[in-house]
Amino acid sequence: MNPDGNLFANLPALSDNEVFTELLAQPGLRIERIVSTGQSSPPDFWYDQAESEWVVLLQGEAQLRFADEEGPRRLLPGDFVAIAAHRRHRVESTLLGQTTIWLAIHYAAP
């Protein structure tokens, strides 16, 4: 974990896997960069996290789905979402063959 850097530097090559890079971690707080290149959550899989999360899409495009909503939300650069702890959600899609960059802040639920 490097205390300084650039979110757009050292991007991984196109891959079959998302790449998670922890940028900062302290008790009750974790900040990570996520790089997607066409990945999505597995079918019928839902994240159900103990901590809350605030996520912003910095580059690319994604479809984020919540179990309590009818359809997915389309996220474009600059869009952000606060996700309460235990709110079930999934990544429906990211752009295939293109780099999508997320900044995720995980924090202790109040």
Protein backbone atom coordinates (compact mmCIF):
# COMPACT_ATOMS: atom_id res chain seq x y z
CA MET A 1 0.00 0.00 0.00
CA ASN A 2 1.56 3.25 -1.19
CA PRO A 3 0.29 6.44 0.53
CA ASP A 4 0.63 8.48 -2.68
CA GLY A 5 -0.20 7.75 -6.28
CA ASN A 6 -2.50 8.29 -9.21
CA LEU A 7 -5.75 6.37 -9.70
CA PHE A 8 -5.14 6.18 -13.45
CA ALA A 9 -1.51 5.01 -13.26
CA ASN A 10 -0.29 1.42 -13.44
CA LEU A 11 -3.58 0.07 -14.75
CA PRO A 12 -3.58 -3.68 -15.23
CA ALA A 13 -3.80 -5.15 -18.72
CA LEU A 14 -7.13 -6.51 -19.95
CA SER A 15 -7.84 -9.61 -17.91
CA ASP A 16 -10.45 -12.23 -17.14
CA ASN A 17 -10.47 -11.00 -13.54
CA GLU A 18 -11.22 -7.72 -11.86
CA VAL A 19 -8.23 -6.21 -10.08
CA PHE A 20 -8.70 -4.83 -6.55
CA THR A 21 -5.96 -2.52 -5.20
CA GLU A 22 -6.14 -1.44 -1.58
CA LEU A 23 -5.17 2.22 -1.36
CA LEU A 24 -5.75 2.88 2.34
CA ALA A 25 -6.86 0.77 5.28
CA GLN A 26 -7.52 1.80 8.86
CA PRO A 27 -9.87 0.44 11.50
CA GLY A 28 -13.39 0.90 10.15
CA LEU A 29 -12.22 2.24 6.77
CA ARG A 30 -10.88 0.70 3.56
CA ILE A 31 -10.40 2.49 0.23
CA GLU A 32 -9.75 0.52 -2.93
CA ARG A 33 -9.47 0.97 -6.66
CA ILE A 34 -11.29 -1.64 -8.70
CA VAL A 35 -10.44 -2.14 -12.37
CA SER A 36 -12.97 -4.06 -14.46
CA THR A 37 -12.67 -5.06 -18.11
CA GLY A 38 -16.01 -6.64 -18.87
CA GLN A 39 -16.58 -8.56 -15.65
CA SER A 40 -19.89 -8.97 -13.86
CA SER A 41 -21.09 -10.76 -10.76
CA PRO A 42 -21.75 -14.49 -11.24
CA PRO A 43 -25.37 -15.41 -12.03
CA ASP A 44 -27.58 -15.41 -8.91
CA PHE A 45 -24.74 -13.95 -6.78
CA TRP A 46 -25.43 -10.96 -4.52
CA TYR A 47 -22.97 -9.04 -2.37
CA ASP A 48 -24.21 -8.78 1.21
CA GLN A 49 -21.48 -6.88 3.03
CA ALA A 50 -21.21 -6.21 6.76
CA GLU A 51 -19.81 -2.71 6.08
CA SER A 52 -21.34 0.17 4.17
CA GLU A 53 -19.81 1.24 0.87
CA TRP A 54 -19.64 4.42 -1.16
CA VAL A 55 -18.55 3.86 -4.75
CA VAL A 56 -17.86 6.25 -7.63
CA LEU A 57 -17.31 5.28 -11.25
CA LEU A 58 -14.26 7.17 -12.54
CA GLN A 59 -13.95 5.73 -16.05
CA GLY A 60 -15.97 3.41 -18.25
CA GLU A 61 -19.53 2.27 -17.78
CA ALA A 62 -21.29 -0.21 -15.52
CA GLN A 63 -24.69 -1.59 -14.62
CA LEU A 64 -25.23 -1.94 -10.85
CA ARG A 65 -28.23 -3.88 -9.59
CA PHE A 66 -29.89 -3.88 -6.17
CA ALA A 67 -32.10 -6.73 -4.98
CA ASP A 68 -34.74 -4.24 -3.81
CA GLU A 69 -35.01 -2.43 -7.17
CA GLU A 70 -36.69 -3.60 -10.38
CA GLY A 71 -33.84 -3.01 -12.78
CA PRO A 72 -30.16 -2.13 -12.93
CA ARG A 73 -28.76 1.37 -12.62
CA ARG A 74 -26.52 2.57 -15.42
CA LEU A 75 -23.41 4.26 -14.05
CA LEU A 76 -21.29 6.65 -16.09
CA PRO A 77 -18.11 8.50 -15.09
CA GLY A 78 -18.79 10.68 -12.06
CA ASP A 79 -21.83 8.71 -10.86
CA PHE A 80 -21.66 7.58 -7.26
CA VAL A 81 -23.80 5.38 -5.03
CA ALA A 82 -24.00 4.87 -1.26
CA ILE A 83 -24.68 1.23 -0.39
CA ALA A 84 -25.89 0.52 3.13
CA ALA A 85 -24.50 -2.48 4.98
CA HIS A 86 -26.34 -5.69 4.04
CA ARG A 87 -28.09 -4.08 1.06
CA ARG A 88 -27.85 -6.85 -1.50
CA HIS A 89 -26.31 -5.72 -4.79
CA ARG A 90 -24.41 -7.04 -7.79
CA VAL A 91 -22.53 -5.82 -10.84
CA GLU A 92 -24.71 -6.65 -13.84
CA SER A 93 -22.06 -5.62 -16.36
CA THR A 94 -19.03 -3.53 -17.20
CA LEU A 95 -17.86 -2.72 -20.72
CA LEU A 96 -16.24 -5.73 -22.36
CA GLY A 97 -12.69 -5.07 -23.50
CA GLN A 98 -12.61 -1.57 -22.02
CA THR A 99 -11.19 -0.36 -18.73
CA THR A 100 -13.72 0.59 -16.08
CA ILE A 101 -12.28 2.19 -12.95
CA TRP A 102 -14.14 2.35 -9.64
CA LEU A 103 -13.15 3.99 -6.35
CA ALA A 104 -14.77 2.18 -3.43
CA ILE A 105 -14.81 3.37 0.16
CA HIS A 106 -15.85 0.73 2.68
CA TYR A 107 -16.67 1.97 6.17
CA ALA A 108 -18.09 0.63 9.40
CA ALA A 109 -21.88 0.64 9.45
CA PRO A 110 -23.32 3.07 12.01
